[in-house]
């Protein structure tokens, strides 16, 4: 009797084990979690959004001379001793740990025979050597940072404007790239006559450098990606500011927001010319109302 019970118990145990194995085999394996491709930050063309004034390297047009550097591109005006505009790409790929070099220098790449503004041309003028492409946007190497200290990248800027108002927007732009964005920034100046810490002036450096009346900047904000101009849509955030070159202006850069259209009307430029016309019509008419910090 005990032997029979033992055999029955063994049979029940074998059936249970077989059933358990069968269930394990029939349960489908968990689907693998798909990997998400992360777009790496890159260093892209500084003129991806266009050449605002159609500048060329033809020295027959010294008021609109194109200079393309590894770190930025610009239209230089020989007779005003400063750039009409400077354009650059900004992503985390441009930012590193290089210290500010402070090595202001004349630009030796200007055409032969052209006057070269020097590191001391602004001395005693009451105006800062105001960076257009900021030093802190180019900290990947000593060469990158040093390029921002060339005098072709400077404009005579009221200290309050340069050190506070513009600095605030520059700092904000770098917070945007830390959030996974890449930016295209175009800035410049126009008009004649500004008020620095030593009062109103129309020129400095014995008349060889024009002091601008207005300083403007346009920022295109995109998530990291490729084919950037084609990715600009009517929903793309565009920040545009136009500030007086005055030492008494408000330190809040958001106060000076305007439309790209307004800047184009004042300068005659086509700032986002590589973007489709239909998209330009929408984004260039809009005034940004997004966060400022």
Protein backbone atom coordinates (compact mmCIF):
# COMPACT_ATOMS: atom_id res chain seq x y z
CA UNK A 1 0.00 0.00 0.00
CA UNK A 2 2.81 2.35 0.96
CA UNK A 3 4.58 1.44 -2.29
CA UNK A 4 1.47 2.31 -4.32
CA UNK A 5 1.09 5.68 -2.56
CA UNK A 6 4.73 6.40 -3.17
CA UNK A 7 4.38 5.62 -6.89
CA UNK A 8 1.27 7.81 -7.16
CA UNK A 9 3.04 10.68 -5.37
CA UNK A 10 6.04 10.38 -7.70
CA UNK A 11 3.75 10.42 -10.73
CA UNK A 12 1.94 13.57 -9.47
CA UNK A 13 5.31 15.27 -8.87
CA UNK A 14 6.56 14.46 -12.38
CA UNK A 15 3.35 15.79 -13.96
CA UNK A 16 3.66 19.03 -11.94
CA UNK A 17 7.25 19.52 -13.00
CA UNK A 18 6.43 18.91 -16.65
CA UNK A 19 3.58 21.42 -16.50
CA UNK A 20 5.83 24.05 -14.93
CA UNK A 21 8.51 23.54 -17.59
CA UNK A 22 5.87 23.76 -20.32
CA UNK A 23 4.59 27.10 -18.94
CA UNK A 24 8.12 28.53 -18.83
CA UNK A 25 8.75 27.58 -22.44
CA UNK A 26 5.47 29.12 -23.62
CA UNK A 27 5.99 32.47 -21.86
CA UNK A 28 7.44 34.85 -24.44
CA UNK A 29 10.71 36.59 -23.57
CA UNK A 30 10.46 40.24 -22.62
CA UNK A 31 10.90 42.48 -25.65
CA UNK A 32 14.27 44.23 -25.69
CA UNK A 33 14.17 47.95 -24.84
CA UNK A 34 15.02 49.84 -28.01
CA UNK A 35 18.06 52.05 -27.75
CA UNK A 36 17.42 55.76 -28.19
CA UNK A 37 19.83 57.54 -30.50
CA UNK A 38 21.24 60.61 -28.80
CA UNK A 39 22.25 63.40 -31.14
CA UNK A 40 25.82 64.43 -30.39
CA UNK A 41 26.58 68.14 -30.42
CA UNK A 42 28.57 69.22 -33.47
CA UNK A 43 30.34 72.27 -34.80
CA UNK A 44 28.37 73.49 -37.78
CA UNK A 45 28.57 76.18 -40.47
CA UNK A 46 28.41 79.70 -39.10
CA UNK A 47 26.44 80.82 -42.16
CA UNK A 48 23.87 78.01 -42.11
CA UNK A 49 21.08 80.57 -41.70
CA UNK A 50 22.40 82.72 -44.54
CA UNK A 51 24.74 85.59 -45.39
CA UNK A 52 22.72 88.62 -44.21
CA UNK A 53 24.34 91.24 -46.45
CA UNK A 54 25.61 89.05 -49.28
CA UNK A 55 29.19 89.78 -48.20
CA UNK A 56 32.01 88.56 -50.46
CA UNK A 57 35.79 88.29 -50.35
CA UNK A 58 36.08 90.81 -53.19
CA UNK A 59 38.21 93.67 -51.84
CA UNK A 60 36.53 96.00 -54.33
CA UNK A 61 33.71 96.13 -51.77
CA UNK A 62 35.51 97.14 -48.56
CA UNK A 63 32.29 98.04 -46.79
CA UNK A 64 30.98 94.48 -46.98
CA UNK A 65 34.03 92.19 -46.88
CA UNK A 66 33.42 88.56 -45.92
CA UNK A 67 35.79 86.99 -43.39
CA UNK A 68 35.26 83.32 -42.60
CA UNK A 69 37.09 81.97 -39.56
CA UNK A 70 36.90 78.57 -37.91
CA UNK A 71 35.13 80.20 -34.95
CA UNK A 72 32.73 82.64 -36.67
CA UNK A 73 32.03 84.53 -39.90
CA UNK A 74 31.63 88.26 -40.36
CA UNK A 75 31.07 91.11 -42.77
CA UNK A 76 33.77 93.71 -42.16
CA UNK A 77 33.50 97.41 -42.95
CA UNK A 78 36.97 98.83 -43.55
CA UNK A 79 35.86 102.46 -43.40
CA UNK A 80 34.06 102.00 -40.08
CA UNK A 81 36.78 99.85 -38.50
CA UNK A 82 34.30 97.25 -37.29
CA UNK A 83 32.07 94.44 -38.46
CA UNK A 84 28.65 95.06 -39.95
CA UNK A 85 27.60 91.71 -38.48
CA UNK A 86 29.12 88.56 -36.98
CA UNK A 87 27.46 85.13 -37.27
CA UNK A 88 28.31 81.96 -35.34
CA UNK A 89 27.04 78.53 -34.41
CA UNK A 90 26.84 77.64 -30.71
CA UNK A 91 26.47 74.17 -29.26
CA UNK A 92 28.05 72.32 -26.37
CA UNK A 93 30.72 71.16 -28.85
CA UNK A 94 32.18 74.68 -28.74
CA UNK A 95 32.39 74.90 -24.97
CA UNK A 96 35.20 73.48 -22.84
CA UNK A 97 37.47 74.46 -19.99
CA UNK A 98 39.85 76.90 -21.69
CA UNK A 99 40.36 80.09 -19.68
CA UNK A 100 39.63 83.54 -21.07
CA UNK A 101 42.79 84.59 -22.92
CA UNK A 102 42.33 88.41 -22.89
CA UNK A 103 44.83 88.65 -25.76
CA UNK A 104 43.20 91.45 -27.78
CA UNK A 105 45.00 91.82 -31.10
CA UNK A 106 44.81 93.36 -34.54
CA UNK A 107 43.51 90.98 -37.21
CA UNK A 108 46.44 90.12 -39.48
CA UNK A 109 44.12 88.44 -42.00
CA UNK A 110 42.66 91.75 -43.20
CA UNK A 111 43.66 92.60 -46.77
CA UNK A 112 47.05 94.21 -47.24
CA UNK A 113 46.94 97.98 -46.96
CA UNK A 114 43.79 98.13 -44.84
CA UNK A 115 44.01 99.87 -41.49
CA UNK A 116 44.05 97.34 -38.65
CA UNK A 117 42.36 98.37 -35.43
CA UNK A 118 44.68 97.59 -32.52
CA UNK A 119 44.21 96.44 -28.95
CA UNK A 120 44.73 100.03 -27.75
CA UNK A 121 42.44 101.73 -30.28
CA UNK A 122 39.62 101.98 -27.73
CA UNK A 123 41.82 103.17 -24.82
CA UNK A 124 40.38 106.19 -23.00
CA UNK A 125 37.31 106.31 -25.26
CA UNK A 126 34.74 105.36 -22.62
CA UNK A 127 33.68 102.37 -24.74
CA UNK A 128 34.42 98.70 -24.17
CA UNK A 129 36.01 96.47 -26.73
CA UNK A 130 32.66 94.71 -26.98
CA UNK A 131 32.84 91.12 -28.19
CA UNK A 132 30.32 90.16 -30.83
CA UNK A 133 31.07 86.40 -30.71
CA UNK A 134 31.64 86.09 -26.94
CA UNK A 135 34.78 84.68 -25.37
CA UNK A 136 32.71 82.26 -23.26
CA UNK A 137 31.13 80.79 -26.42
CA UNK A 138 34.56 79.58 -27.55
CA UNK A 139 36.29 77.76 -24.70
CA UNK A 140 37.13 74.52 -26.51
CA UNK A 141 40.75 75.49 -27.09
CA UNK A 142 43.22 78.36 -26.73
CA UNK A 143 43.01 78.97 -30.48
CA UNK A 144 39.20 79.18 -30.38
CA UNK A 145 39.17 81.58 -27.46
CA UNK A 146 41.98 83.72 -28.84
CA UNK A 147 40.05 84.19 -32.09
CA UNK A 148 37.30 86.00 -30.20
CA UNK A 149 39.83 88.64 -29.11
CA UNK A 150 40.65 89.76 -32.64
CA UNK A 151 39.63 93.39 -33.07
CA UNK A 152 37.50 92.53 -36.12
CA UNK A 153 35.18 90.83 -33.60
CA UNK A 154 34.84 94.01 -31.51
CA UNK A 155 32.56 97.01 -31.57
CA UNK A 156 32.75 100.17 -29.43
CA UNK A 157 30.07 99.31 -26.88
CA UNK A 158 28.88 101.28 -23.86
CA UNK A 159 30.18 99.45 -20.76
CA UNK A 160 26.72 99.05 -19.22
CA UNK A 161 25.45 97.54 -22.46
CA UNK A 162 28.41 95.19 -22.92
CA UNK A 163 28.96 94.04 -19.34
CA UNK A 164 25.37 93.76 -18.17
CA UNK A 165 22.60 93.82 -20.78
CA UNK A 166 24.37 91.86 -23.51
CA UNK A 167 26.19 89.69 -20.98
CA UNK A 168 22.81 88.64 -19.60
CA UNK A 169 21.62 87.42 -23.00
CA UNK A 170 24.95 85.71 -23.68
CA UNK A 171 24.70 83.81 -20.40
CA UNK A 172 21.12 82.83 -21.15
CA UNK A 173 22.13 81.48 -24.57
CA UNK A 174 24.62 79.17 -22.90
CA UNK A 175 21.92 77.81 -20.59
CA UNK A 176 19.94 76.88 -23.72
CA UNK A 177 22.74 74.73 -25.12
CA UNK A 178 23.00 72.99 -21.75
CA UNK A 179 19.38 71.94 -22.30
CA UNK A 180 20.21 70.08 -25.54
CA UNK A 181 19.78 72.93 -28.00
CA UNK A 182 22.05 74.40 -30.62
CA UNK A 183 21.92 78.06 -31.57
CA UNK A 184 22.68 80.26 -34.53
CA UNK A 185 23.50 83.78 -33.42
CA UNK A 186 23.86 86.80 -35.67
CA UNK A 187 24.64 90.20 -34.21
CA UNK A 188 25.83 93.58 -35.35
CA UNK A 189 25.46 97.32 -35.04
CA UNK A 190 24.35 100.26 -37.12
CA UNK A 191 23.95 104.02 -37.01
CA UNK A 192 26.45 106.54 -35.71
CA UNK A 193 26.98 107.91 -32.21
CA UNK A 194 26.75 106.31 -28.78
CA UNK A 195 27.13 107.34 -25.16
CA UNK A 196 29.83 105.56 -23.17
CA UNK A 197 31.26 106.19 -19.73
CA UNK A 198 33.09 109.29 -21.07
CA UNK A 199 30.09 110.74 -22.87
CA UNK A 200 28.78 110.85 -26.42
CA UNK A 201 31.08 110.10 -29.34
CA UNK A 202 30.61 109.37 -33.03
CA UNK A 203 34.11 107.97 -33.66
CA UNK A 204 37.20 106.86 -31.76
CA UNK A 205 40.79 106.04 -32.72
CA UNK A 206 41.31 109.36 -34.50
CA UNK A 207 38.15 108.86 -36.54
CA UNK A 208 39.10 105.41 -37.80
CA UNK A 209 36.45 103.48 -35.80
CA UNK A 210 32.77 104.44 -35.93
CA UNK A 211 30.81 104.30 -32.69
CA UNK A 212 27.44 102.70 -33.48
CA UNK A 213 24.10 104.03 -32.29
CA UNK A 214 22.36 100.64 -31.99
CA UNK A 215 23.48 97.09 -31.22
CA UNK A 216 21.32 94.15 -32.32
CA UNK A 217 21.27 90.38 -32.00
CA UNK A 218 19.18 87.51 -33.41
CA UNK A 219 19.20 84.01 -31.87
CA UNK A 220 17.74 80.91 -33.57
CA UNK A 221 17.04 78.11 -31.06
CA UNK A 222 16.93 74.51 -32.34
CA UNK A 223 17.16 71.09 -30.72
CA UNK A 224 20.41 69.32 -31.61
CA UNK A 225 20.19 67.87 -35.09
CA UNK A 226 21.32 68.24 -38.70
CA UNK A 227 20.15 70.08 -41.83
CA UNK A 228 19.52 73.00 -39.54
CA UNK A 229 18.06 75.65 -41.85
CA UNK A 230 15.48 73.15 -43.12
CA UNK A 231 14.47 72.35 -39.53
CA UNK A 232 13.45 75.93 -38.79
CA UNK A 233 9.66 76.02 -38.65
CA UNK A 234 7.00 78.56 -37.77
CA UNK A 235 7.24 77.22 -34.19
CA UNK A 236 11.00 77.77 -33.86
CA UNK A 237 11.94 80.19 -31.12
CA UNK A 238 13.65 83.30 -32.46
CA UNK A 239 15.03 85.87 -30.00
CA UNK A 240 15.80 89.32 -31.39
CA UNK A 241 16.96 92.36 -29.46
CA UNK A 242 17.90 95.90 -30.49
CA UNK A 243 19.55 98.03 -27.83
CA UNK A 244 20.70 101.65 -27.77
CA UNK A 245 24.46 101.98 -27.43
CA UNK A 246 24.01 103.94 -24.23
CA UNK A 247 25.53 103.56 -20.80
CA UNK A 248 22.20 104.29 -19.10
CA UNK A 249 20.16 101.50 -20.63
CA UNK A 250 18.19 98.87 -18.70
CA UNK A 251 20.21 95.83 -17.64
CA UNK A 252 17.31 93.47 -18.47
CA UNK A 253 17.89 92.34 -22.05
CA UNK A 254 14.28 91.21 -22.37
CA UNK A 255 13.25 94.88 -22.33
CA UNK A 256 14.75 95.32 -25.77
CA UNK A 257 13.12 92.42 -27.60
CA UNK A 258 11.93 93.21 -31.09
CA UNK A 259 11.21 91.43 -34.37
CA UNK A 260 13.69 90.31 -37.00
CA UNK A 261 11.66 92.33 -39.48
CA UNK A 262 12.34 95.50 -37.53
CA UNK A 263 16.09 94.86 -37.52
CA UNK A 264 16.04 94.09 -41.23
CA UNK A 265 14.18 97.33 -41.91
CA UNK A 266 16.84 99.27 -40.01
CA UNK A 267 19.84 97.53 -41.59
CA UNK A 268 18.71 96.44 -45.05
CA UNK A 269 19.84 92.85 -44.33
CA UNK A 270 18.11 89.54 -45.00
CA UNK A 271 19.14 87.88 -41.76
CA UNK A 272 17.65 84.38 -42.14
CA UNK A 273 17.90 84.13 -45.90
CA UNK A 274 18.58 80.35 -45.92
CA UNK A 275 15.22 79.65 -44.26
CA UNK A 276 12.20 79.15 -46.49
CA UNK A 277 10.37 82.36 -47.32
CA UNK A 278 7.08 81.05 -45.97
CA UNK A 279 8.67 80.32 -42.59
CA UNK A 280 10.53 83.63 -42.56
CA UNK A 281 7.27 85.50 -43.06
CA UNK A 282 5.98 84.09 -39.77
CA UNK A 283 9.00 83.94 -37.48
CA UNK A 284 10.49 87.28 -38.52
CA UNK A 285 7.30 89.17 -37.68
CA UNK A 286 7.05 87.70 -34.17
CA UNK A 287 8.47 89.23 -30.97
CA UNK A 288 9.73 86.64 -28.52
CA UNK A 289 7.96 86.41 -25.15
CA UNK A 290 9.76 83.39 -23.74
CA UNK A 291 11.84 83.16 -20.55
CA UNK A 292 14.90 85.38 -20.08
CA UNK A 293 16.78 83.29 -17.54
